[in-house]
Amino acid sequence: MRYQMRQSRDGVIRIVDQAPRPSDGGRFAAALPDAAEALVWFMRTMACVWVAKGLFNWAVLMGLNPRFGDFTMLPRALQTTIVFFAGADLLAAIGMWLAAPWGGVLWLLCAALEAVSPFFGGRAAVLGAVGIALNVALIAAYFTLKWRADQERR
């Protein structure tokens, strides 16, 4: 049984019994998490990915990635992009791991900026076409999970 506390408009707090969701009879339906739980798992998974991306940007910034060579020799637009995402990706990862609203907003900002960065100029782009498509798909998945979680809450 799951219990939840609700406060009415007159200030009275009641404990409400939340019965389990009705199942469609399939044995897999009971094993599926609700949308809010799926959203938290999605946010935590993306947090792990964004930590790796942030650390990759720091590796480029400090010259630890030989593929990029010397950071000071990169085009100025690419340097700016790497420096911005070195900090923003890690901040977004922290917020996503905590499932905080600001984490989702910062993650959406980072993913959207990475998706449109090639349109600002080829020298500012870190991602290719596959990375852009992946960012757009992840943003769509986030909005879908967020919408489903909000619908379940109502």
N, C-alpha and C. Protein backbone atom coordinates (compact mmCIF):
# COMPACT_ATOMS: atom_id res chain seq x y z
N MET A 1 0.83 -1.18 0.00
CA MET A 1 0.00 0.00 0.00
C MET A 1 0.88 1.25 0.00
N ARG A 2 0.43 2.22 -0.70
CA ARG A 2 1.12 3.49 -0.72
C ARG A 2 0.21 4.54 -0.10
N TYR A 3 0.77 5.32 0.77
CA TYR A 3 0.01 6.37 1.44
C TYR A 3 0.60 7.72 1.06
N GLN A 4 -0.27 8.70 1.01
CA GLN A 4 0.17 10.04 0.66
C GLN A 4 -0.57 11.03 1.55
N MET A 5 0.13 12.07 1.94
CA MET A 5 -0.49 13.09 2.77
C MET A 5 -1.01 14.20 1.87
N ARG A 6 -2.26 14.61 2.10
CA ARG A 6 -2.87 15.68 1.35
C ARG A 6 -3.38 16.74 2.32
N GLN A 7 -3.23 17.99 1.95
CA GLN A 7 -3.74 19.08 2.78
C GLN A 7 -4.88 19.74 2.05
N SER A 8 -6.00 19.88 2.74
CA SER A 8 -7.16 20.52 2.14
C SER A 8 -7.03 22.04 2.26
N ARG A 9 -7.97 22.74 1.67
CA ARG A 9 -7.92 24.20 1.69
C ARG A 9 -8.11 24.77 3.07
N ASP A 10 -8.81 24.03 3.93
CA ASP A 10 -9.02 24.54 5.28
C ASP A 10 -7.86 24.19 6.21
N GLY A 11 -6.81 23.57 5.69
CA GLY A 11 -5.61 23.31 6.47
C GLY A 11 -5.56 21.95 7.12
N VAL A 12 -6.57 21.13 6.92
CA VAL A 12 -6.59 19.79 7.53
C VAL A 12 -5.74 18.85 6.68
N ILE A 13 -4.85 18.12 7.36
CA ILE A 13 -3.99 17.18 6.67
C ILE A 13 -4.57 15.78 6.85
N ARG A 14 -4.76 15.09 5.74
CA ARG A 14 -5.30 13.74 5.77
C ARG A 14 -4.31 12.78 5.10
N ILE A 15 -4.30 11.55 5.57
CA ILE A 15 -3.51 10.51 4.93
C ILE A 15 -4.44 9.78 3.97
N VAL A 16 -4.06 9.75 2.71
CA VAL A 16 -4.89 9.17 1.67
C VAL A 16 -4.25 7.86 1.22
N ASP A 17 -5.06 6.82 1.13
CA ASP A 17 -4.60 5.52 0.66
C ASP A 17 -4.63 5.54 -0.86
N GLN A 18 -3.48 5.29 -1.47
CA GLN A 18 -3.42 5.22 -2.92
C GLN A 18 -3.41 3.76 -3.32
N ALA A 19 -4.49 3.31 -3.90
CA ALA A 19 -4.55 1.94 -4.36
C ALA A 19 -3.66 1.79 -5.59
N PRO A 20 -3.13 0.60 -5.80
CA PRO A 20 -2.29 0.40 -6.98
C PRO A 20 -3.09 0.66 -8.26
N ARG A 21 -2.37 1.03 -9.29
CA ARG A 21 -3.01 1.29 -10.58
C ARG A 21 -3.68 0.02 -11.09
N PRO A 22 -4.82 0.16 -11.74
CA PRO A 22 -5.45 -1.04 -12.30
C PRO A 22 -4.58 -1.59 -13.42
N SER A 23 -4.46 -2.88 -13.44
CA SER A 23 -3.63 -3.55 -14.43
C SER A 23 -4.51 -4.01 -15.58
N ASP A 24 -3.92 -4.11 -16.75
CA ASP A 24 -4.67 -4.59 -17.90
C ASP A 24 -4.67 -6.11 -17.99
N GLY A 25 -4.19 -6.76 -16.96
CA GLY A 25 -4.19 -8.21 -16.95
C GLY A 25 -2.88 -8.81 -17.44
N GLY A 26 -2.07 -8.02 -18.08
CA GLY A 26 -0.78 -8.53 -18.55
C GLY A 26 0.22 -8.58 -17.42
N ARG A 27 1.07 -9.56 -17.43
CA ARG A 27 2.01 -9.65 -16.32
C ARG A 27 3.15 -8.65 -16.44
N PHE A 28 3.36 -8.07 -17.62
CA PHE A 28 4.42 -7.08 -17.76
C PHE A 28 3.96 -5.69 -17.35
N ALA A 29 2.66 -5.45 -17.36
CA ALA A 29 2.15 -4.12 -17.02
C ALA A 29 2.45 -3.77 -15.57
N ALA A 30 2.41 -4.75 -14.69
CA ALA A 30 2.69 -4.47 -13.28
C ALA A 30 4.17 -4.19 -13.05
N ALA A 31 5.02 -4.70 -13.93
CA ALA A 31 6.46 -4.51 -13.77
C ALA A 31 6.93 -3.17 -14.31
N LEU A 32 6.12 -2.51 -15.12
CA LEU A 32 6.52 -1.23 -15.70
C LEU A 32 6.45 -0.14 -14.65
N PRO A 33 7.46 0.74 -14.61
CA PRO A 33 7.40 1.84 -13.64
C PRO A 33 6.41 2.89 -14.11
N ASP A 34 5.94 3.69 -13.17
CA ASP A 34 5.09 4.79 -13.57
C ASP A 34 5.94 5.85 -14.25
N ALA A 35 5.29 6.82 -14.87
CA ALA A 35 6.00 7.80 -15.69
C ALA A 35 6.93 8.67 -14.86
N ALA A 36 6.54 9.01 -13.63
CA ALA A 36 7.41 9.84 -12.79
C ALA A 36 8.70 9.10 -12.45
N GLU A 37 8.58 7.81 -12.17
CA GLU A 37 9.77 7.02 -11.88
C GLU A 37 10.63 6.86 -13.12
N ALA A 38 10.00 6.65 -14.27
CA ALA A 38 10.74 6.55 -15.53
C ALA A 38 11.46 7.86 -15.84
N LEU A 39 10.83 8.98 -15.53
CA LEU A 39 11.46 10.28 -15.75
C LEU A 39 12.69 10.44 -14.87
N VAL A 40 12.61 10.03 -13.63
CA VAL A 40 13.77 10.13 -12.73
C VAL A 40 14.90 9.24 -13.23
N TRP A 41 14.57 8.02 -13.67
CA TRP A 41 15.61 7.13 -14.20
C TRP A 41 16.24 7.71 -15.47
N PHE A 42 15.41 8.31 -16.32
CA PHE A 42 15.93 8.95 -17.53
C PHE A 42 16.87 10.09 -17.16
N MET A 43 16.44 10.92 -16.19
CA MET A 43 17.27 12.05 -15.78
C MET A 43 18.60 11.57 -15.18
N ARG A 44 18.57 10.51 -14.41
CA ARG A 44 19.81 10.01 -13.81
C ARG A 44 20.72 9.38 -14.86
N THR A 45 20.15 8.70 -15.83
CA THR A 45 20.96 8.15 -16.91
C THR A 45 21.61 9.26 -17.72
N MET A 46 20.83 10.29 -18.03
CA MET A 46 21.39 11.43 -18.76
C MET A 46 22.44 12.16 -17.92
N ALA A 47 22.28 12.16 -16.62
CA ALA A 47 23.28 12.78 -15.75
C ALA A 47 24.62 12.06 -15.89
N CYS A 48 24.59 10.74 -15.93
CA CYS A 48 25.85 9.98 -16.10
C CYS A 48 26.49 10.29 -17.45
N VAL A 49 25.67 10.36 -18.49
CA VAL A 49 26.19 10.67 -19.82
C VAL A 49 26.76 12.08 -19.85
N TRP A 50 26.07 13.02 -19.22
CA TRP A 50 26.52 14.41 -19.25
C TRP A 50 27.77 14.63 -18.38
N VAL A 51 27.96 13.84 -17.35
CA VAL A 51 29.22 13.90 -16.60
C VAL A 51 30.37 13.48 -17.51
N ALA A 52 30.16 12.40 -18.26
CA ALA A 52 31.20 11.94 -19.19
C ALA A 52 31.48 13.00 -20.25
N LYS A 53 30.44 13.66 -20.77
CA LYS A 53 30.64 14.71 -21.76
C LYS A 53 31.40 15.89 -21.16
N GLY A 54 31.03 16.26 -19.94
CA GLY A 54 31.73 17.38 -19.29
C GLY A 54 33.19 17.06 -19.03
N LEU A 55 33.47 15.85 -18.59
CA LEU A 55 34.86 15.45 -18.37
C LEU A 55 35.64 15.36 -19.67
N PHE A 56 34.96 14.95 -20.75
CA PHE A 56 35.62 14.95 -22.06
C PHE A 56 36.00 16.36 -22.47
N ASN A 57 35.10 17.31 -22.25
CA ASN A 57 35.41 18.70 -22.58
C ASN A 57 36.57 19.22 -21.74
N TRP A 58 36.62 18.83 -20.46
CA TRP A 58 37.75 19.24 -19.63
C TRP A 58 39.05 18.59 -20.10
N ALA A 59 38.97 17.36 -20.59
CA ALA A 59 40.17 16.70 -21.12
C ALA A 59 40.69 17.44 -22.35
N VAL A 60 39.79 17.89 -23.21
CA VAL A 60 40.20 18.68 -24.38
C VAL A 60 40.79 20.01 -23.92
N LEU A 61 40.13 20.63 -22.95
CA LEU A 61 40.57 21.93 -22.45
C LEU A 61 41.98 21.86 -21.85
N MET A 62 42.26 20.78 -21.14
CA MET A 62 43.57 20.64 -20.50
C MET A 62 44.61 19.99 -21.40
N GLY A 63 44.24 19.63 -22.62
CA GLY A 63 45.19 19.05 -23.56
C GLY A 63 45.44 17.57 -23.35
N LEU A 64 44.56 16.87 -22.66
CA LEU A 64 44.74 15.44 -22.41
C LEU A 64 44.23 14.57 -23.55
N ASN A 65 43.50 15.14 -24.48
CA ASN A 65 42.97 14.40 -25.61
C ASN A 65 43.84 14.68 -26.83
N PRO A 66 44.69 13.72 -27.26
CA PRO A 66 45.61 13.99 -28.37
C PRO A 66 44.90 14.17 -29.70
N ARG A 67 43.67 13.73 -29.82
CA ARG A 67 42.95 13.88 -31.08
C ARG A 67 42.73 15.34 -31.43
N PHE A 68 42.51 16.18 -30.42
CA PHE A 68 42.27 17.59 -30.66
C PHE A 68 43.54 18.42 -30.67
N GLY A 69 44.62 17.86 -30.19
CA GLY A 69 45.88 18.59 -30.17
C GLY A 69 45.90 19.68 -29.12
N ASP A 70 46.62 20.73 -29.40
CA ASP A 70 46.75 21.85 -28.48
C ASP A 70 45.47 22.68 -28.50
N PHE A 71 44.92 22.92 -27.33
CA PHE A 71 43.66 23.66 -27.21
C PHE A 71 43.80 25.07 -27.75
N THR A 72 44.96 25.69 -27.55
CA THR A 72 45.14 27.08 -27.99
C THR A 72 45.20 27.20 -29.51
N MET A 73 45.42 26.09 -30.19
CA MET A 73 45.50 26.13 -31.65
C MET A 73 44.14 25.88 -32.32
N LEU A 74 43.13 25.55 -31.54
CA LEU A 74 41.79 25.34 -32.09
C LEU A 74 41.16 26.67 -32.48
N PRO A 75 40.19 26.66 -33.40
CA PRO A 75 39.51 27.91 -33.75
C PRO A 75 38.82 28.51 -32.52
N ARG A 76 38.76 29.83 -32.48
CA ARG A 76 38.21 30.53 -31.34
C ARG A 76 36.77 30.12 -31.03
N ALA A 77 35.95 29.91 -32.07
CA ALA A 77 34.56 29.51 -31.84
C ALA A 77 34.49 28.13 -31.19
N LEU A 78 35.35 27.22 -31.60
CA LEU A 78 35.37 25.88 -30.99
C LEU A 78 35.89 25.95 -29.56
N GLN A 79 36.87 26.81 -29.30
CA GLN A 79 37.36 26.99 -27.93
C GLN A 79 36.24 27.48 -27.02
N THR A 80 35.47 28.44 -27.49
CA THR A 80 34.36 28.98 -26.71
C THR A 80 33.32 27.91 -26.43
N THR A 81 33.01 27.11 -27.43
CA THR A 81 32.04 26.04 -27.26
C THR A 81 32.52 25.03 -26.23
N ILE A 82 33.78 24.64 -26.31
CA ILE A 82 34.33 23.64 -25.38
C ILE A 82 34.35 24.18 -23.96
N VAL A 83 34.75 25.42 -23.78
CA VAL A 83 34.80 26.01 -22.43
C VAL A 83 33.40 26.11 -21.85
N PHE A 84 32.43 26.56 -22.64
CA PHE A 84 31.06 26.67 -22.15
C PHE A 84 30.52 25.32 -21.71
N PHE A 85 30.67 24.31 -22.57
CA PHE A 85 30.11 23.00 -22.25
C PHE A 85 30.90 22.25 -21.18
N ALA A 86 32.17 22.62 -20.97
CA ALA A 86 32.93 21.99 -19.89
C ALA A 86 32.30 22.31 -18.54
N GLY A 87 31.79 23.51 -18.39
CA GLY A 87 31.13 23.88 -17.13
C GLY A 87 29.65 23.55 -17.13
N ALA A 88 28.95 23.88 -18.22
CA ALA A 88 27.50 23.72 -18.26
C ALA A 88 27.07 22.26 -18.23
N ASP A 89 27.83 21.38 -18.90
CA ASP A 89 27.47 19.96 -18.89
C ASP A 89 27.55 19.37 -17.49
N LEU A 90 28.56 19.73 -16.75
CA LEU A 90 28.69 19.20 -15.39
C LEU A 90 27.62 19.77 -14.46
N LEU A 91 27.29 21.04 -14.61
CA LEU A 91 26.21 21.61 -13.81
C LEU A 91 24.86 20.97 -14.15
N ALA A 92 24.63 20.75 -15.43
CA ALA A 92 23.39 20.09 -15.84
C ALA A 92 23.33 18.66 -15.30
N ALA A 93 24.47 17.98 -15.28
CA ALA A 93 24.50 16.61 -14.77
C ALA A 93 24.15 16.57 -13.28
N ILE A 94 24.65 17.52 -12.53
CA ILE A 94 24.32 17.57 -11.10
C ILE A 94 22.82 17.79 -10.91
N GLY A 95 22.27 18.75 -11.63
CA GLY A 95 20.84 19.01 -11.52
C GLY A 95 19.98 17.85 -11.99
N MET A 96 20.42 17.18 -13.04
CA MET A 96 19.67 16.02 -13.52
C MET A 96 19.73 14.88 -12.51
N TRP A 97 20.88 14.65 -11.91
CA TRP A 97 20.98 13.57 -10.93
C TRP A 97 20.07 13.84 -9.73
N LEU A 98 19.98 15.09 -9.33
CA LEU A 98 19.11 15.45 -8.22
C LEU A 98 17.64 15.51 -8.62
N ALA A 99 17.37 15.39 -9.92
CA ALA A 99 16.01 15.50 -10.47
C ALA A 99 15.40 16.85 -10.12
N ALA A 100 16.24 17.87 -10.09
CA ALA A 100 15.78 19.23 -9.79
C ALA A 100 15.26 19.88 -11.07
N PRO A 101 14.27 20.73 -10.96
CA PRO A 101 13.75 21.40 -12.16
C PRO A 101 14.81 22.21 -12.90
N TRP A 102 15.71 22.87 -12.17
CA TRP A 102 16.75 23.65 -12.84
C TRP A 102 17.72 22.73 -13.59
N GLY A 103 17.87 21.50 -13.15
CA GLY A 103 18.74 20.56 -13.85
C GLY A 103 18.18 20.19 -15.21
N GLY A 104 16.86 19.96 -15.24
CA GLY A 104 16.23 19.66 -16.51
C GLY A 104 16.30 20.83 -17.47
N VAL A 105 16.11 22.04 -16.94
CA VAL A 105 16.17 23.23 -17.79
C VAL A 105 17.58 23.43 -18.33
N LEU A 106 18.58 23.28 -17.48
CA LEU A 106 19.97 23.45 -17.93
C LEU A 106 20.35 22.36 -18.92
N TRP A 107 19.89 21.13 -18.68
CA TRP A 107 20.17 20.04 -19.62
C TRP A 107 19.53 20.32 -20.96
N LEU A 108 18.27 20.78 -20.96
CA LEU A 108 17.60 21.12 -22.22
C LEU A 108 18.34 22.23 -22.95
N LEU A 109 18.83 23.21 -22.21
CA LEU A 109 19.60 24.30 -22.81
C LEU A 109 20.87 23.75 -23.46
N CYS A 110 21.59 22.90 -22.74
CA CYS A 110 22.83 22.33 -23.29
C CYS A 110 22.56 21.48 -24.52
N ALA A 111 21.55 20.60 -24.43
CA ALA A 111 21.24 19.71 -25.55
C ALA A 111 20.77 20.51 -26.77
N ALA A 112 19.95 21.53 -26.54
CA ALA A 112 19.45 22.34 -27.66
C ALA A 112 20.58 23.16 -28.27
N LEU A 113 21.46 23.72 -27.45
CA LEU A 113 22.59 24.49 -27.99
C LEU A 113 23.55 23.60 -28.77
N GLU A 114 23.77 22.39 -28.30
CA GLU A 114 24.63 21.46 -29.04
C GLU A 114 23.98 21.06 -30.36
N ALA A 115 22.66 20.93 -30.37
CA ALA A 115 21.96 20.54 -31.59
C ALA A 115 21.99 21.65 -32.65
N VAL A 116 21.96 22.91 -32.22
CA VAL A 116 21.94 24.01 -33.19
C VAL A 116 23.31 24.63 -33.43
N SER A 117 24.33 24.19 -32.71
CA SER A 117 25.66 24.81 -32.87
C SER A 117 26.24 24.69 -34.28
N PRO A 118 25.98 23.63 -35.04
CA PRO A 118 26.50 23.62 -36.41
C PRO A 118 25.90 24.71 -37.29
N PHE A 119 24.71 25.17 -36.95
CA PHE A 119 24.09 26.22 -37.75
C PHE A 119 24.69 27.59 -37.46
N PHE A 120 25.40 27.72 -36.32
CA PHE A 120 26.09 28.97 -36.02
C PHE A 120 27.40 29.07 -36.77
N GLY A 121 27.86 27.97 -37.30
CA GLY A 121 29.11 27.93 -38.04
C GLY A 121 29.79 26.60 -37.80
N GLY A 122 30.35 26.04 -38.84
CA GLY A 122 30.97 24.73 -38.76
C GLY A 122 32.13 24.67 -37.79
N ARG A 123 32.76 25.79 -37.54
CA ARG A 123 33.92 25.78 -36.65
C ARG A 123 33.53 25.74 -35.18
N ALA A 124 32.24 25.98 -34.88
CA ALA A 124 31.79 25.95 -33.48
C ALA A 124 31.15 24.61 -33.13
N ALA A 125 31.02 23.73 -34.11
CA ALA A 125 30.32 22.46 -33.89
C ALA A 125 31.27 21.40 -33.35
N VAL A 126 30.83 20.75 -32.29
CA VAL A 126 31.58 19.62 -31.74
C VAL A 126 30.94 18.32 -32.22
N LEU A 127 29.63 18.34 -32.44
CA LEU A 127 28.89 17.15 -32.81
C LEU A 127 28.69 17.05 -34.31
N GLY A 128 28.52 15.82 -34.78
CA GLY A 128 28.16 15.59 -36.16
C GLY A 128 26.65 15.41 -36.29
N ALA A 129 26.22 14.89 -37.43
CA ALA A 129 24.80 14.71 -37.69
C ALA A 129 24.18 13.68 -36.74
N VAL A 130 24.92 12.63 -36.41
CA VAL A 130 24.39 11.62 -35.50
C VAL A 130 24.18 12.21 -34.10
N GLY A 131 25.11 13.03 -33.64
CA GLY A 131 24.98 13.67 -32.34
C GLY A 131 23.81 14.62 -32.29
N ILE A 132 23.58 15.34 -33.37
CA ILE A 132 22.45 16.26 -33.43
C ILE A 132 21.14 15.48 -33.37
N ALA A 133 21.04 14.40 -34.15
CA ALA A 133 19.83 13.58 -34.15
C ALA A 133 19.60 12.95 -32.78
N LEU A 134 20.68 12.53 -32.13
CA LEU A 134 20.56 11.94 -30.79
C LEU A 134 20.07 12.97 -29.77
N ASN A 135 20.60 14.18 -29.83
CA ASN A 135 20.14 15.24 -28.92
C ASN A 135 18.67 15.56 -29.13
N VAL A 136 18.23 15.63 -30.38
CA VAL A 136 16.82 15.91 -30.67
C VAL A 136 15.95 14.77 -30.15
N ALA A 137 16.39 13.51 -30.33
CA ALA A 137 15.62 12.37 -29.84
C ALA A 137 15.56 12.36 -28.31
N LEU A 138 16.66 12.71 -27.64
CA LEU A 138 16.66 12.76 -26.18
C LEU A 138 15.76 13.86 -25.65
N ILE A 139 15.75 15.00 -26.32
CA ILE A 139 14.86 16.09 -25.92
C ILE A 139 13.40 15.65 -26.08
N ALA A 140 13.09 14.99 -27.19
CA ALA A 140 11.72 14.50 -27.40
C ALA A 140 11.35 13.46 -26.34
N ALA A 141 12.27 12.58 -25.99
CA ALA A 141 12.00 11.58 -24.96
C ALA A 141 11.76 12.25 -23.61
N TYR A 142 12.55 13.27 -23.29
CA TYR A 142 12.37 14.00 -22.03
C TYR A 142 10.98 14.64 -21.96
N PHE A 143 10.60 15.33 -23.04
CA PHE A 143 9.30 15.99 -23.03
C PHE A 143 8.16 14.98 -22.96
N THR A 144 8.31 13.84 -23.62
CA THR A 144 7.29 12.81 -23.56
C THR A 144 7.14 12.26 -22.15
N LEU A 145 8.26 11.94 -21.50
CA LEU A 145 8.21 11.43 -20.13
C LEU A 145 7.67 12.48 -19.17
N LYS A 146 8.08 13.72 -19.36
CA LYS A 146 7.59 14.80 -18.50
C LYS A 146 6.08 14.98 -18.64
N TRP A 147 5.59 14.92 -19.88
CA TRP A 147 4.16 15.06 -20.12
C TRP A 147 3.40 13.90 -19.49
N ARG A 148 3.91 12.67 -19.66
CA ARG A 148 3.24 11.51 -19.06
C ARG A 148 3.23 11.59 -17.54
N ALA A 149 4.34 12.05 -16.95
CA ALA A 149 4.40 12.18 -15.49
C ALA A 149 3.39 13.22 -15.01
N ASP A 150 3.27 14.33 -15.73
CA ASP A 150 2.29 15.35 -15.36
C ASP A 150 0.87 14.84 -15.50
N GLN A 151 0.61 14.03 -16.52
CA GLN A 151 -0.74 13.47 -16.71
C GLN A 151 -1.08 12.49 -15.59
N GLU A 152 -0.12 11.71 -15.14
CA GLU A 152 -0.36 10.77 -14.05
C GLU A 152 -0.61 11.49 -12.73
N ARG A 153 0.02 12.62 -12.54
CA ARG A 153 -0.13 13.38 -11.31
C ARG A 153 -1.53 13.95 -11.17
N ARG A 154 -2.19 14.20 -12.28
CA ARG A 154 -3.53 14.81 -12.25
C ARG A 154 -4.55 13.83 -11.95
